C-alpha cells in the first residue's frame, strides 16, 4: 500500500503539533490548579475544635447543641 506524500507530511507535522498542544494543556491545567488553591480559604481549625456542620468553635459535630443537628419533629 503506497502512502501519498501529502499524508506522510501531514502525519509528520501532526506529531510536533500534538506535543505542543499537550504541553499547553498541561500548563493550563497547572495554572487552573494554582488559581483554585489561591482562591480557596485556609483552614481555621480541625474537626476536633470546630463543628463540621455549622463551623462554630464552641461545640463539635455530634453535639446536640448544634443548630444544624437533625431534630425529631413532634
Protein backbone atom coordinates (compact mmCIF):
# COMPACT_ATOMS: atom_id res chain seq x y z
CA UNK A 1 0.00 0.00 0.00
CA UNK A 2 1.51 3.27 -1.10
CA UNK A 3 1.25 6.26 1.21
CA UNK A 4 0.81 9.58 -0.59
CA UNK A 5 3.41 12.20 0.16
CA UNK A 6 0.79 14.65 1.49
CA UNK A 7 -0.43 12.17 4.10
CA UNK A 8 3.12 11.39 5.14
CA UNK A 9 3.94 15.09 5.56
CA UNK A 10 0.67 15.72 7.42
CA UNK A 11 1.41 12.87 9.82
CA UNK A 12 4.97 14.12 10.30
CA UNK A 13 3.75 17.63 11.12
CA UNK A 14 0.93 16.40 13.35
CA UNK A 15 3.29 14.83 15.89
CA UNK A 16 5.06 18.08 16.94
CA UNK A 17 1.75 19.95 16.94
CA UNK A 18 0.23 17.33 19.24
CA UNK A 19 3.24 17.56 21.56
CA UNK A 20 2.91 21.35 21.72
CA UNK A 21 -0.85 21.15 22.35
CA UNK A 22 -0.32 18.54 25.06
CA UNK A 23 2.24 20.70 26.84
CA UNK A 24 -0.04 23.71 26.53
CA UNK A 25 -2.92 21.76 28.06
CA UNK A 26 -0.65 20.69 30.93
CA UNK A 27 0.36 24.33 31.55
CA UNK A 28 -3.28 25.43 31.56
CA UNK A 29 -4.12 22.63 33.99
CA UNK A 30 -1.31 23.69 36.33
CA UNK A 31 -2.47 27.32 36.16
CA UNK A 32 -6.05 26.35 36.99
CA UNK A 33 -4.86 24.21 39.90
CA UNK A 34 -2.80 27.10 41.24
CA UNK A 35 -5.72 29.51 40.90
CA UNK A 36 -8.03 27.17 42.78
CA UNK A 37 -5.51 26.77 45.59
CA UNK A 38 -5.06 30.55 45.80
CA UNK A 39 -8.82 31.20 45.86
CA UNK A 40 -9.60 28.59 48.50
CA UNK A 41 -9.62 29.89 52.07
CA UNK A 42 -7.20 28.41 54.56
CA UNK A 43 -8.40 26.12 57.30
CA UNK A 44 -9.36 27.79 60.59
CA UNK A 45 -9.47 24.70 62.77
CA UNK A 46 -9.70 20.94 62.89
CA UNK A 47 -12.64 18.60 63.24
CA UNK A 48 -11.74 18.29 66.92
CA UNK A 49 -12.07 22.04 67.54
CA UNK A 50 -14.94 23.08 65.22
CA UNK A 51 -18.34 21.77 64.22
CA UNK A 52 -18.23 20.39 60.68
CA UNK A 53 -21.87 21.30 60.04
CA UNK A 54 -22.10 24.93 61.18
CA UNK A 55 -18.43 25.89 61.81
CA UNK A 56 -18.95 27.05 65.40
CA UNK A 57 -15.91 26.66 67.69
CA UNK A 58 -17.95 26.08 70.87
CA UNK A 59 -19.08 22.52 70.05
CA UNK A 60 -18.19 19.54 67.86
CA UNK A 61 -20.21 17.95 65.08
CA UNK A 62 -22.13 15.36 67.08
CA UNK A 63 -23.04 17.74 69.87
CA UNK A 64 -26.82 18.17 70.22
CA UNK A 65 -26.32 21.93 70.78
CA UNK A 66 -25.54 22.38 67.08
CA UNK A 67 -28.30 24.43 65.43
CA UNK A 68 -27.94 22.34 62.24
CA UNK A 69 -28.22 18.98 64.04
CA UNK A 70 -31.16 16.89 62.85
CA UNK A 71 -34.16 17.14 65.15
CA UNK A 72 -37.19 14.92 65.64
CA UNK A 73 -40.34 16.75 64.64
CA UNK A 74 -43.12 16.33 67.21
